C-alpha cells in the first residue's frame, strides 16, 4: 500500500511566480518561523502542468503525460534554511486510504521537465 508518491523539483530562490492548470500565484518571502514545507496552492484537482518563472531565468515546466493524469501539481515554499522554490507532482488517492499495487512493475509517472528561454 502506498499513501502518496511524488516527483519533486527544487529550484533556486530567485524564482518568483508559479502557475498550474488551475491557478497561479507568487512565491512569498521566506518566513523565518516556518519549519516545514508549505503548499501554496488551494486547488488540488489533478492537472498535467506546473511551472515557475523569475526575472531573467528560464521558465521551468514540469508536465505529466499519463492519461488520465493522477497528479496534483503543487508549488511549495521551503523553510528559510533550504532557500528553495519547489514544483511538486503528487499522486494521492481521491479518498483517504492508499494505492494498492499488485506485485510487479508499474509506471507511476511519465512526463518531461522543460526549461524555456526567458523573455527579455
PDB file of N, CA and C in Angstrom:
ATOM      1  N   UNK A   1       0.837  -1.187   0.000  1.00  0.00           N
ATOM      2  CA  UNK A   1       0.000   0.000   0.000  1.00  0.00           C
ATOM      3  C   UNK A   1       0.882   1.251   0.000  1.00  0.00           C
ATOM      4  N   UNK A   2       0.525   2.212  -0.829  1.00  0.00           N
ATOM      5  CA  UNK A   2       1.265   3.472  -0.924  1.00  0.00           C
ATOM      6  C   UNK A   2       0.279   4.610  -0.670  1.00  0.00           C
ATOM      7  N   UNK A   3       0.561   5.429   0.337  1.00  0.00           N
ATOM      8  CA  UNK A   3      -0.329   6.541   0.673  1.00  0.00           C
ATOM      9  C   UNK A   3      -0.201   7.694  -0.313  1.00  0.00           C
ATOM     10  N   UNK A   4       1.004   7.914  -0.840  1.00  0.00           N
ATOM     11  CA  UNK A   4       1.261   9.034  -1.742  1.00  0.00           C
ATOM     12  C   UNK A   4       2.610   8.803  -2.388  1.00  0.00           C
ATOM     13  N   UNK A   5       2.770   9.301  -3.621  1.00  0.00           N
ATOM     14  CA  UNK A   5       4.096   9.360  -4.214  1.00  0.00           C
ATOM     15  C   UNK A   5       4.200  10.670  -4.970  1.00  0.00           C
ATOM     16  N   UNK A   6       5.438  11.137  -5.160  1.00  0.00           N
ATOM     17  CA  UNK A   6       5.592  12.444  -5.805  1.00  0.00           C
ATOM     18  C   UNK A   6       6.898  12.547  -6.570  1.00  0.00           C
ATOM     19  N   UNK A   7       6.914  13.508  -7.465  1.00  0.00           N
ATOM     20  CA  UNK A   7       8.118  13.936  -8.163  1.00  0.00           C
ATOM     21  C   UNK A   7       8.359  15.364  -7.697  1.00  0.00           C
ATOM     22  N   UNK A   8       9.539  15.651  -7.187  1.00  0.00           N
ATOM     23  CA  UNK A   8       9.836  16.944  -6.593  1.00  0.00           C
ATOM     24  C   UNK A   8      11.027  17.571  -7.284  1.00  0.00           C
ATOM     25  N   UNK A   9      10.853  18.829  -7.675  1.00  0.00           N
ATOM     26  CA  UNK A   9      11.903  19.575  -8.358  1.00  0.00           C
ATOM     27  C   UNK A   9      12.171  20.847  -7.565  1.00  0.00           C
ATOM     28  N   UNK A  10      13.375  20.991  -7.009  1.00  0.00           N
ATOM     29  CA  UNK A  10      13.738  22.173  -6.228  1.00  0.00           C
ATOM     30  C   UNK A  10      14.470  23.171  -7.129  1.00  0.00           C
ATOM     31  N   UNK A  11      14.050  24.427  -7.048  1.00  0.00           N
ATOM     32  CA  UNK A  11      14.620  25.497  -7.858  1.00  0.00           C
ATOM     33  C   UNK A  11      15.242  26.556  -6.957  1.00  0.00           C
ATOM     34  N   UNK A  12      16.066  27.408  -7.544  1.00  0.00           N
ATOM     35  CA  UNK A  12      16.695  28.481  -6.766  1.00  0.00           C
ATOM     36  C   UNK A  12      15.641  29.456  -6.239  1.00  0.00           C
ATOM     37  N   UNK A  13      15.997  30.150  -5.212  1.00  0.00           N
ATOM     38  CA  UNK A  13      15.066  31.049  -4.512  1.00  0.00           C
ATOM     39  C   UNK A  13      14.680  32.275  -5.337  1.00  0.00           C
ATOM     40  N   UNK A  14      15.355  32.546  -6.438  1.00  0.00           N
ATOM     41  CA  UNK A  14      15.055  33.726  -7.246  1.00  0.00           C
ATOM     42  C   UNK A  14      13.852  33.528  -8.168  1.00  0.00           C
ATOM     43  N   UNK A  15      13.265  32.327  -8.189  1.00  0.00           N
ATOM     44  CA  UNK A  15      12.000  32.145  -8.916  1.00  0.00           C
ATOM     45  C   UNK A  15      10.901  32.827  -8.108  1.00  0.00           C
ATOM     46  N   UNK A  16      10.050  33.597  -8.791  1.00  0.00           N
ATOM     47  CA  UNK A  16       9.080  34.427  -8.078  1.00  0.00           C
ATOM     48  C   UNK A  16       7.620  34.081  -8.356  1.00  0.00           C
ATOM     49  N   UNK A  17       7.310  33.449  -9.496  1.00  0.00           N
ATOM     50  CA  UNK A  17       5.935  33.170  -9.899  1.00  0.00           C
ATOM     51  C   UNK A  17       5.751  31.685 -10.175  1.00  0.00           C
ATOM     52  N   UNK A  18       4.540  31.206  -9.939  1.00  0.00           N
ATOM     53  CA  UNK A  18       4.199  29.821 -10.259  1.00  0.00           C
ATOM     54  C   UNK A  18       2.818  29.792 -10.909  1.00  0.00           C
ATOM     55  N   UNK A  19       2.556  28.707 -11.654  1.00  0.00           N
ATOM     56  CA  UNK A  19       1.239  28.516 -12.275  1.00  0.00           C
ATOM     57  C   UNK A  19       0.999  27.025 -12.465  1.00  0.00           C
ATOM     58  N   UNK A  20      -0.256  26.621 -12.243  1.00  0.00           N
ATOM     59  CA  UNK A  20      -0.695  25.256 -12.529  1.00  0.00           C
ATOM     60  C   UNK A  20      -1.811  25.341 -13.567  1.00  0.00           C
ATOM     61  N   UNK A  21      -2.410  24.209 -13.904  1.00  0.00           N
ATOM     62  CA  UNK A  21      -3.550  24.209 -14.816  1.00  0.00           C
ATOM     63  C   UNK A  21      -4.742  24.961 -14.225  1.00  0.00           C
ATOM     64  N   UNK A  22      -4.787  25.111 -12.920  1.00  0.00           N
ATOM     65  CA  UNK A  22      -5.970  25.648 -12.247  1.00  0.00           C
ATOM     66  C   UNK A  22      -5.807  27.023 -11.609  1.00  0.00           C
ATOM     67  N   UNK A  23      -4.577  27.423 -11.309  1.00  0.00           N
ATOM     68  CA  UNK A  23      -4.375  28.699 -10.630  1.00  0.00           C
ATOM     69  C   UNK A  23      -2.928  29.168 -10.785  1.00  0.00           C
ATOM     70  N   UNK A  24      -2.681  30.386 -10.346  1.00  0.00           N
ATOM     71  CA  UNK A  24      -1.322  30.927 -10.399  1.00  0.00           C
ATOM     72  C   UNK A  24      -1.098  31.839  -9.206  1.00  0.00           C
ATOM     73  N   UNK A  25       0.164  32.112  -8.927  1.00  0.00           N
ATOM     74  CA  UNK A  25       0.460  32.979  -7.800  1.00  0.00           C
ATOM     75  C   UNK A  25       1.931  33.323  -7.727  1.00  0.00           C
ATOM     76  N   UNK A  26       2.297  33.995  -6.654  1.00  0.00           N
ATOM     77  CA  UNK A  26       3.682  34.392  -6.400  1.00  0.00           C
ATOM     78  C   UNK A  26       4.238  33.574  -5.248  1.00  0.00           C
ATOM     79  N   UNK A  27       5.523  33.254  -5.338  1.00  0.00           N
ATOM     80  CA  UNK A  27       6.193  32.662  -4.187  1.00  0.00           C
ATOM     81  C   UNK A  27       6.393  33.781  -3.173  1.00  0.00           C
ATOM     82  N   UNK A  28       5.917  33.627  -1.951  1.00  0.00           N
ATOM     83  CA  UNK A  28       6.092  34.678  -0.947  1.00  0.00           C
ATOM     84  C   UNK A  28       7.522  34.675  -0.404  1.00  0.00           C
ATOM     85  N   UNK A  29       7.886  35.702   0.339  1.00  0.00           N
ATOM     86  CA  UNK A  29       9.197  35.696   1.001  1.00  0.00           C
ATOM     87  C   UNK A  29       9.273  34.524   1.981  1.00  0.00           C
ATOM     88  N   UNK A  30      10.470  34.096   2.273  1.00  0.00           N
ATOM     89  CA  UNK A  30      10.652  33.019   3.246  1.00  0.00           C
ATOM     90  C   UNK A  30      10.252  33.522   4.630  1.00  0.00           C
ATOM     91  N   UNK A  31       9.535  32.675   5.357  1.00  0.00           N
ATOM     92  CA  UNK A  31       9.069  33.000   6.701  1.00  0.00           C
ATOM     93  C   UNK A  31      10.081  32.449   7.708  1.00  0.00           C
ATOM     94  N   UNK A  32      10.715  33.302   8.498  1.00  0.00           N
ATOM     95  CA  UNK A  32      11.738  32.821   9.432  1.00  0.00           C
ATOM     96  C   UNK A  32      11.208  31.825  10.464  1.00  0.00           C
ATOM     97  N   UNK A  33       9.894  31.817  10.698  1.00  0.00           N
ATOM     98  CA  UNK A  33       9.308  30.890  11.674  1.00  0.00           C
ATOM     99  C   UNK A  33       8.853  29.567  11.049  1.00  0.00           C
ATOM    100  N   UNK A  34       8.918  29.461   9.729  1.00  0.00           N
ATOM    101  CA  UNK A  34       8.447  28.244   9.039  1.00  0.00           C
ATOM    102  C   UNK A  34       9.479  27.134   9.195  1.00  0.00           C
ATOM    103  N   UNK A  35       9.021  25.944   9.601  1.00  0.00           N
ATOM    104  CA  UNK A  35       9.940  24.814   9.806  1.00  0.00           C
ATOM    105  C   UNK A  35       9.635  23.630   8.892  1.00  0.00           C
ATOM    106  N   UNK A  36       8.499  23.672   8.181  1.00  0.00           N
ATOM    107  CA  UNK A  36       8.131  22.585   7.281  1.00  0.00           C
ATOM    108  C   UNK A  36       7.811  23.151   5.905  1.00  0.00           C
ATOM    109  N   UNK A  37       7.729  22.277   4.920  1.00  0.00           N
ATOM    110  CA  UNK A  37       7.336  22.694   3.574  1.00  0.00           C
ATOM    111  C   UNK A  37       5.876  23.126   3.607  1.00  0.00           C
ATOM    112  N   UNK A  38       5.543  24.204   2.850  1.00  0.00           N
ATOM    113  CA  UNK A  38       4.177  24.720   2.824  1.00  0.00           C
ATOM    114  C   UNK A  38       3.685  24.805   1.382  1.00  0.00           C
ATOM    115  N   UNK A  39       2.590  24.100   1.103  1.00  0.00           N
ATOM    116  CA  UNK A  39       1.966  24.143  -0.218  1.00  0.00           C
ATOM    117  C   UNK A  39       1.277  25.493  -0.389  1.00  0.00           C
ATOM    118  N   UNK A  40       1.454  26.101  -1.560  1.00  0.00           N
ATOM    119  CA  UNK A  40       0.938  27.441  -1.793  1.00  0.00           C
ATOM    120  C   UNK A  40      -0.392  27.463  -2.534  1.00  0.00           C
ATOM    121  N   UNK A  41      -0.730  26.394  -3.225  1.00  0.00           N
ATOM    122  CA  UNK A  41      -1.985  26.391  -3.991  1.00  0.00           C
ATOM    123  C   UNK A  41      -3.157  26.000  -3.100  1.00  0.00           C
ATOM    124  N   UNK A  42      -4.348  26.340  -3.584  1.00  0.00           N
ATOM    125  CA  UNK A  42      -5.587  25.995  -2.869  1.00  0.00           C
ATOM    126  C   UNK A  42      -6.397  24.951  -3.637  1.00  0.00           C
ATOM    127  N   UNK A  43      -6.136  24.829  -4.929  1.00  0.00           N
ATOM    128  CA  UNK A  43      -6.879  23.901  -5.784  1.00  0.00           C
ATOM    129  C   UNK A  43      -6.032  22.657  -6.025  1.00  0.00           C
ATOM    130  N   UNK A  44      -6.460  21.538  -5.479  1.00  0.00           N
ATOM    131  CA  UNK A  44      -5.691  20.302  -5.577  1.00  0.00           C
ATOM    132  C   UNK A  44      -6.278  19.319  -6.586  1.00  0.00           C
ATOM    133  N   UNK A  45      -7.114  19.817  -7.514  1.00  0.00           N
ATOM    134  CA  UNK A  45      -7.617  18.923  -8.558  1.00  0.00           C
ATOM    135  C   UNK A  45      -6.455  18.427  -9.406  1.00  0.00           C
ATOM    136  N   UNK A  46      -6.545  17.210  -9.926  1.00  0.00           N
ATOM    137  CA  UNK A  46      -5.465  16.706 -10.782  1.00  0.00           C
ATOM    138  C   UNK A  46      -5.236  17.628 -11.977  1.00  0.00           C
ATOM    139  N   UNK A  47      -4.004  17.701 -12.393  1.00  0.00           N
ATOM    140  CA  UNK A  47      -3.613  18.511 -13.541  1.00  0.00           C
ATOM    141  C   UNK A  47      -2.345  17.953 -14.149  1.00  0.00           C
ATOM    142  N   UNK A  48      -1.977  18.462 -15.297  1.00  0.00           N
ATOM    143  CA  UNK A  48      -0.832  17.924 -16.028  1.00  0.00           C
ATOM    144  C   UNK A  48       0.378  18.845 -16.033  1.00  0.00           C
ATOM    145  N   UNK A  49       0.260  20.077 -15.486  1.00  0.00           N
ATOM    146  CA  UNK A  49       1.344  21.045 -15.681  1.00  0.00           C
ATOM    147  C   UNK A  49       1.503  21.967 -14.475  1.00  0.00           C
ATOM    148  N   UNK A  50       2.767  22.263 -14.169  1.00  0.00           N
ATOM    149  CA  UNK A  50       3.116  23.313 -13.216  1.00  0.00           C
ATOM    150  C   UNK A  50       4.384  23.974 -13.733  1.00  0.00           C
ATOM    151  N   UNK A  51       4.489  25.279 -13.513  1.00  0.00           N
ATOM    152  CA  UNK A  51       5.676  25.992 -13.981  1.00  0.00           C
ATOM    153  C   UNK A  51       6.087  27.058 -12.980  1.00  0.00           C
ATOM    154  N   UNK A  52       7.354  27.480 -13.088  1.00  0.00           N
ATOM    155  CA  UNK A  52       7.892  28.564 -12.269  1.00  0.00           C
ATOM    156  C   UNK A  52       8.660  29.512 -13.170  1.00  0.00           C
ATOM    157  N   UNK A  53       8.559  30.813 -12.852  1.00  0.00           N
ATOM    158  CA  UNK A  53       9.255  31.846 -13.606  1.00  0.00           C
ATOM    159  C   UNK A  53       9.908  32.827 -12.646  1.00  0.00           C
ATOM    160  N   UNK A  54      10.920  33.510 -13.148  1.00  0.00           N
ATOM    161  CA  UNK A  54      11.592  34.560 -12.405  1.00  0.00           C
ATOM    162  C   UNK A  54      12.317  35.464 -13.384  1.00  0.00           C
ATOM    163  N   UNK A  55      12.612  36.675 -12.976  1.00  0.00           N
ATOM    164  CA  UNK A  55      13.267  37.643 -13.854  1.00  0.00           C
ATOM    165  C   UNK A  55      14.587  37.094 -14.379  1.00  0.00           C
ATOM    166  N   UNK A  56      14.753  37.116 -15.684  1.00  0.00           N
ATOM    167  CA  UNK A  56      15.974  36.675 -16.372  1.00  0.00           C
ATOM    168  C   UNK A  56      16.315  35.205 -16.124  1.00  0.00           C
ATOM    169  N   UNK A  57      15.331  34.418 -15.716  1.00  0.00           N
ATOM    170  CA  UNK A  57      15.537  32.979 -15.502  1.00  0.00           C
ATOM    171  C   UNK A  57      14.697  32.209 -16.511  1.00  0.00           C
ATOM    172  N   UNK A  58      15.147  31.021 -16.900  1.00  0.00           N
ATOM    173  CA  UNK A  58      14.306  30.225 -17.790  1.00  0.00           C
ATOM    174  C   UNK A  58      13.025  29.814 -17.069  1.00  0.00           C
ATOM    175  N   UNK A  59      11.933  29.737 -17.806  1.00  0.00           N
ATOM    176  CA  UNK A  59      10.680  29.211 -17.261  1.00  0.00           C
ATOM    177  C   UNK A  59      10.856  27.697 -17.155  1.00  0.00           C
ATOM    178  N   UNK A  60      10.671  27.158 -15.978  1.00  0.00           N
ATOM    179  CA  UNK A  60      10.795  25.716 -15.766  1.00  0.00           C
ATOM    180  C   UNK A  60       9.395  25.122 -15.741  1.00  0.00           C
ATOM    181  N   UNK A  61       9.158  24.115 -16.590  1.00  0.00           N
ATOM    182  CA  UNK A  61       7.844  23.498 -16.729  1.00  0.00           C
ATOM    183  C   UNK A  61       7.966  22.013 -16.423  1.00  0.00           C
ATOM    184  N   UNK A  62       7.109  21.536 -15.528  1.00  0.00           N
ATOM    185  CA  UNK A  62       7.001  20.116 -15.209  1.00  0.00           C
ATOM    186  C   UNK A  62       5.660  19.655 -15.755  1.00  0.00           C
ATOM    187  N   UNK A  63       5.678  18.688 -16.669  1.00  0.00           N
ATOM    188  CA  UNK A  63       4.454  18.205 -17.306  1.00  0.00           C
ATOM    189  C   UNK A  63       4.345  16.693 -17.194  1.00  0.00           C
ATOM    190  N   UNK A  64       3.184  16.237 -16.809  1.00  0.00           N
ATOM    191  CA  UNK A  64       2.890  14.801 -16.803  1.00  0.00           C
ATOM    192  C   UNK A  64       2.190  14.453 -18.112  1.00  0.00           C
ATOM    193  N   UNK A  65       2.459  13.263 -18.636  1.00  0.00           N
ATOM    194  CA  UNK A  65       1.781  12.881 -19.877  1.00  0.00           C
ATOM    195  C   UNK A  65       1.009  11.575 -19.763  1.00  0.00           C
ATOM    196  N   UNK A  66       0.738  11.147 -18.547  1.00  0.00           N
ATOM    197  CA  UNK A  66      -0.085   9.952 -18.367  1.00  0.00           C
ATOM    198  C   UNK A  66      -1.557  10.335 -18.454  1.00  0.00           C
ATOM    199  N   UNK A  67      -2.372   9.473 -19.011  1.00  0.00           N
ATOM    200  CA  UNK A  67      -3.817   9.717 -19.148  1.00  0.00           C
ATOM    201  C   UNK A  67      -4.579   8.580 -18.483  1.00  0.00           C
ATOM    202  N   UNK A  68      -5.562   8.830 -17.656  1.00  0.00           N
ATOM    203  CA  UNK A  68      -5.850  10.159 -17.124  1.00  0.00           C
ATOM    204  C   UNK A  68      -4.752  10.558 -16.158  1.00  0.00           C
ATOM    205  N   UNK A  69      -4.541  11.845 -16.010  1.00  0.00           N
ATOM    206  CA  UNK A  69      -3.448  12.343 -15.176  1.00  0.00           C
ATOM    207  C   UNK A  69      -3.839  12.265 -13.697  1.00  0.00           C
ATOM    208  N   UNK A  70      -3.142  11.437 -12.922  1.00  0.00           N
ATOM    209  CA  UNK A  70      -3.470  11.317 -11.500  1.00  0.00           C
ATOM    210  C   UNK A  70      -2.734  12.326 -10.621  1.00  0.00           C
ATOM    211  N   UNK A  71      -1.923  13.193 -11.225  1.00  0.00           N
ATOM    212  CA  UNK A  71      -1.046  14.060 -10.441  1.00  0.00           C
ATOM    213  C   UNK A  71      -1.760  15.338  -9.997  1.00  0.00           C
ATOM    214  N   UNK A  72      -1.435  15.767  -8.816  1.00  0.00           N
ATOM    215  CA  UNK A  72      -1.893  17.047  -8.282  1.00  0.00           C
ATOM    216  C   UNK A  72      -0.643  17.932  -8.244  1.00  0.00           C
ATOM    217  N   UNK A  73      -0.649  18.988  -9.034  1.00  0.00           N
ATOM    218  CA  UNK A  73       0.527  19.856  -9.138  1.00  0.00           C
ATOM    219  C   UNK A  73       0.491  20.904  -8.036  1.00  0.00           C
ATOM    220  N   UNK A  74       1.618  21.060  -7.348  1.00  0.00           N
ATOM    221  CA  UNK A  74       1.638  21.965  -6.197  1.00  0.00           C
ATOM    222  C   UNK A  74       2.969  22.708  -6.094  1.00  0.00           C
ATOM    223  N   UNK A  75       2.906  24.045  -5.987  1.00  0.00           N
ATOM    224  CA  UNK A  75       4.106  24.816  -5.674  1.00  0.00           C
ATOM    225  C   UNK A  75       4.316  24.792  -4.155  1.00  0.00           C
ATOM    226  N   UNK A  76       5.571  24.744  -3.748  1.00  0.00           N
ATOM    227  CA  UNK A  76       5.870  24.602  -2.323  1.00  0.00           C
ATOM    228  C   UNK A  76       6.918  25.629  -1.911  1.00  0.00           C
ATOM    229  N   UNK A  77       6.726  26.217  -0.750  1.00  0.00           N
ATOM    230  CA  UNK A  77       7.712  27.105  -0.142  1.00  0.00           C
ATOM    231  C   UNK A  77       8.432  26.321   0.943  1.00  0.00           C
ATOM    232  N   UNK A  78       9.749  26.282   0.866  1.00  0.00           N
ATOM    233  CA  UNK A  78      10.525  25.559   1.873  1.00  0.00           C
ATOM    234  C   UNK A  78      10.841  26.475   3.054  1.00  0.00           C
ATOM    235  N   UNK A  79      11.299  25.903   4.159  1.00  0.00           N
ATOM    236  CA  UNK A  79      11.784  26.741   5.259  1.00  0.00           C
ATOM    237  C   UNK A  79      12.991  27.561   4.784  1.00  0.00           C
ATOM    238  N   UNK A  80      13.288  28.674   5.465  1.00  0.00           N
ATOM    239  CA  UNK A  80      14.353  29.564   5.010  1.00  0.00           C
ATOM    240  C   UNK A  80      15.728  28.909   4.920  1.00  0.00           C
ATOM    241  N   UNK A  81      16.009  27.914   5.739  1.00  0.00           N
ATOM    242  CA  UNK A  81      17.335  27.292   5.680  1.00  0.00           C
ATOM    243  C   UNK A  81      17.550  26.500   4.396  1.00  0.00           C
ATOM    244  N   UNK A  82      16.467  26.135   3.676  1.00  0.00           N
ATOM    245  CA  UNK A  82      16.587  25.374   2.431  1.00  0.00           C
ATOM    246  C   UNK A  82      16.598  26.281   1.203  1.00  0.00           C
ATOM    247  N   UNK A  83      16.063  27.515   1.312  1.00  0.00           N
ATOM    248  CA  UNK A  83      16.113  28.516   0.252  1.00  0.00           C
ATOM    249  C   UNK A  83      15.754  27.950  -1.119  1.00  0.00           C
ATOM    250  N   UNK A  84      14.616  27.260  -1.218  1.00  0.00           N
ATOM    251  CA  UNK A  84      14.195  26.673  -2.487  1.00  0.00           C
ATOM    252  C   UNK A  84      12.744  26.978  -2.797  1.00  0.00           C
ATOM    253  N   UNK A  85      12.461  27.075  -4.081  1.00  0.00           N
ATOM    254  CA  UNK A  85      11.100  27.085  -4.601  1.00  0.00           C
ATOM    255  C   UNK A  85      10.909  25.687  -5.177  1.00  0.00           C
ATOM    256  N   UNK A  86       9.831  25.037  -4.855  1.00  0.00           N
ATOM    257  CA  UNK A  86       9.651  23.640  -5.235  1.00  0.00           C
ATOM    258  C   UNK A  86       8.424  23.484  -6.124  1.00  0.00           C
ATOM    259  N   UNK A  87       8.584  22.683  -7.186  1.00  0.00           N
ATOM    260  CA  UNK A  87       7.467  22.236  -8.007  1.00  0.00           C
ATOM    261  C   UNK A  87       7.278  20.767  -7.701  1.00  0.00           C
ATOM    262  N   UNK A  88       6.044  20.393  -7.383  1.00  0.00           N
ATOM    263  CA  UNK A  88       5.780  19.015  -6.992  1.00  0.00           C
ATOM    264  C   UNK A  88       4.598  18.461  -7.772  1.00  0.00           C
ATOM    265  N   UNK A  89       4.760  17.238  -8.277  1.00  0.00           N
ATOM    266  CA  UNK A  89       3.671  16.470  -8.871  1.00  0.00           C
ATOM    267  C   UNK A  89       3.376  15.348  -7.880  1.00  0.00           C
ATOM    268  N   UNK A  90       2.188  15.397  -7.288  1.00  0.00           N
ATOM    269  CA  UNK A  90       1.839  14.479  -6.200  1.00  0.00           C
ATOM    270  C   UNK A  90       0.697  13.576  -6.648  1.00  0.00           C
ATOM    271  N   UNK A  91       0.840  12.302  -6.415  1.00  0.00           N
ATOM    272  CA  UNK A  91      -0.255  11.361  -6.648  1.00  0.00           C
ATOM    273  C   UNK A  91      -0.756  10.897  -5.297  1.00  0.00           C
ATOM    274  N   UNK A  92      -2.047  11.093  -5.066  1.00  0.00           N
ATOM    275  CA  UNK A  92      -2.660  10.628  -3.829  1.00  0.00           C
ATOM    276  C   UNK A  92      -4.051  10.119  -4.170  1.00  0.00           C
ATOM    277  N   UNK A  93      -4.543   9.154  -3.419  1.00  0.00           N
ATOM    278  CA  UNK A  93      -5.876   8.620  -3.709  1.00  0.00           C
ATOM    279  C   UNK A  93      -6.943   9.698  -3.556  1.00  0.00           C
ATOM    280  N   UNK A  94      -8.026   9.608  -4.334  1.00  0.00           N
ATOM    281  CA  UNK A  94      -9.123  10.566  -4.215  1.00  0.00           C
ATOM    282  C   UNK A  94      -9.755  10.513  -2.832  1.00  0.00           C
ATOM    283  N   UNK A  95      -9.850   9.345  -2.288  1.00  0.00           N
ATOM    284  CA  UNK A  95     -10.394   9.167  -0.945  1.00  0.00           C
ATOM    285  C   UNK A  95      -9.244   8.834  -0.005  1.00  0.00           C
ATOM    286  N   UNK A  96      -9.418   9.115   1.271  1.00  0.00           N
ATOM    287  CA  UNK A  96      -8.374   8.732   2.223  1.00  0.00           C
ATOM    288  C   UNK A  96      -8.144   7.238   2.100  1.00  0.00           C
ATOM    289  N   UNK A  97      -6.920   6.860   2.205  1.00  0.00           N
ATOM    290  CA  UNK A  97      -6.577   5.454   2.052  1.00  0.00           C
ATOM    291  C   UNK A  97      -5.227   5.326   1.393  1.00  0.00           C
ATOM    292  N   UNK A  98      -5.113   4.373   0.478  1.00  0.00           N
ATOM    293  CA  UNK A  98      -3.827   4.112  -0.143  1.00  0.00           C
ATOM    294  C   UNK A  98      -4.026   3.544  -1.535  1.00  0.00           C
ATOM    295  N   UNK A  99      -2.979   3.693  -2.351  1.00  0.00           N
ATOM    296  CA  UNK A  99      -2.929   2.965  -3.614  1.00  0.00           C
ATOM    297  C   UNK A  99      -2.516   1.544  -3.277  1.00  0.00           C
ATOM    298  N   UNK A 100      -3.125   0.602  -3.910  1.00  0.00           N
ATOM    299  CA  UNK A 100      -2.727  -0.785  -3.690  1.00  0.00           C
ATOM    300  C   UNK A 100      -2.187  -1.320  -5.005  1.00  0.00           C
ATOM    301  N   UNK A 101      -0.915  -1.688  -5.007  1.00  0.00           N
ATOM    302  CA  UNK A 101      -0.268  -2.189  -6.205  1.00  0.00           C
ATOM    303  C   UNK A 101      -0.010  -3.680  -6.061  1.00  0.00           C
ATOM    304  N   UNK A 102      -0.346  -4.423  -7.094  1.00  0.00           N
ATOM    305  CA  UNK A 102      -0.001  -5.847  -7.137  1.00  0.00           C
ATOM    306  C   UNK A 102       1.509  -5.950  -7.354  1.00  0.00           C
ATOM    307  N   UNK A 103       2.067  -7.079  -7.002  1.00  0.00           N
ATOM    308  CA  UNK A 103       3.495  -7.287  -7.229  1.00  0.00           C
ATOM    309  C   UNK A 103       3.789  -7.109  -8.710  1.00  0.00           C
ATOM    310  N   UNK A 104       4.919  -6.496  -9.010  1.00  0.00           N
ATOM    311  CA  UNK A 104       5.294  -6.312 -10.407  1.00  0.00           C
ATOM    312  C   UNK A 104       5.795  -4.912 -10.668  1.00  0.00           C
ATOM    313  N   UNK A 105       5.913  -4.603 -11.926  1.00  0.00           N
ATOM    314  CA  UNK A 105       6.431  -3.314 -12.358  1.00  0.00           C
ATOM    315  C   UNK A 105       5.291  -2.385 -12.719  1.00  0.00           C
ATOM    316  N   UNK A 106       5.381  -1.107 -12.289  1.00  0.00           N
ATOM    317  CA  UNK A 106       4.320  -0.140 -12.537  1.00  0.00           C
ATOM    318  C   UNK A 106       4.921   1.177 -13.020  1.00  0.00           C
ATOM    319  N   UNK A 107       4.259   1.832 -13.951  1.00  0.00           N
ATOM    320  CA  UNK A 107       4.644   3.169 -14.379  1.00  0.00           C
ATOM    321  C   UNK A 107       3.885   4.151 -13.486  1.00  0.00           C
ATOM    322  N   UNK A 108       4.600   4.864 -12.620  1.00  0.00           N
ATOM    323  CA  UNK A 108       3.974   5.772 -11.672  1.00  0.00           C
ATOM    324  C   UNK A 108       3.953   7.205 -12.164  1.00  0.00           C
ATOM    325  N   UNK A 109       4.900   7.560 -13.028  1.00  0.00           N
ATOM    326  CA  UNK A 109       4.946   8.915 -13.567  1.00  0.00           C
ATOM    327  C   UNK A 109       5.619   8.873 -14.925  1.00  0.00           C
ATOM    328  N   UNK A 110       5.050   9.608 -15.847  1.00  0.00           N
ATOM    329  CA  UNK A 110       5.669   9.792 -17.152  1.00  0.00           C
ATOM    330  C   UNK A 110       5.473  11.250 -17.527  1.00  0.00           C
ATOM    331  N   UNK A 111       6.521  11.880 -17.981  1.00  0.00           N
ATOM    332  CA  UNK A 111       6.403  13.285 -18.333  1.00  0.00           C
ATOM    333  C   UNK A 111       7.736  13.874 -18.714  1.00  0.00           C
ATOM    334  N   UNK A 112       7.804  15.196 -18.622  1.00  0.00           N
ATOM    335  CA  UNK A 112       9.031  15.884 -19.008  1.00  0.00           C
ATOM    336  C   UNK A 112       9.238  17.118 -18.148  1.00  0.00           C
ATOM    337  N   UNK A 113      10.484  17.541 -18.108  1.00  0.00           N
ATOM    338  CA  UNK A 113      10.857  18.807 -17.489  1.00  0.00           C
ATOM    339  C   UNK A 113      11.461  19.650 -18.600  1.00  0.00           C
ATOM    340  N   UNK A 114      10.921  20.858 -18.793  1.00  0.00           N
ATOM    341  CA  UNK A 114      11.414  21.746 -19.842  1.00  0.00           C
ATOM    342  C   UNK A 114      11.933  23.037 -19.229  1.00  0.00           C
ATOM    343  N   UNK A 115      12.984  23.565 -19.833  1.00  0.00           N
ATOM    344  CA  UNK A 115      13.486  24.893 -19.487  1.00  0.00           C
ATOM    345  C   UNK A 115      13.262  25.750 -20.732  1.00  0.00           C
ATOM    346  N   UNK A 116      12.362  26.721 -20.624  1.00  0.00           N
ATOM    347  CA  UNK A 116      12.036  27.594 -21.750  1.00  0.00           C
ATOM    348  C   UNK A 116      12.810  28.898 -21.621  1.00  0.00           C
ATOM    349  N   UNK A 117      13.304  29.397 -22.710  1.00  0.00           N
ATOM    350  CA  UNK A 117      14.098  30.618 -22.725  1.00  0.00           C
ATOM    351  C   UNK A 117      13.361  31.763 -22.048  1.00  0.00           C
ATOM    352  N   UNK A 118      14.076  32.494 -21.211  1.00  0.00           N
ATOM    353  CA  UNK A 118      13.493  33.657 -20.527  1.00  0.00           C
ATOM    354  C   UNK A 118      13.214  34.751 -21.527  1.00  0.00           C
ATOM    355  N   UNK A 119      12.097  35.447 -21.327  1.00  0.00           N
ATOM    356  CA  UNK A 119      11.770  36.578 -22.185  1.00  0.00           C
ATOM    357  C   UNK A 119      12.629  37.765 -21.783  1.00  0.00           C
ATOM    358  N   UNK A 120      13.079  38.527 -22.774  1.00  0.00           N
ATOM    359  CA  UNK A 120      13.972  39.667 -22.492  1.00  0.00           C
ATOM    360  C   UNK A 120      13.209  40.825 -21.885  1.00  0.00           C
TER     361      UNK A 120
END
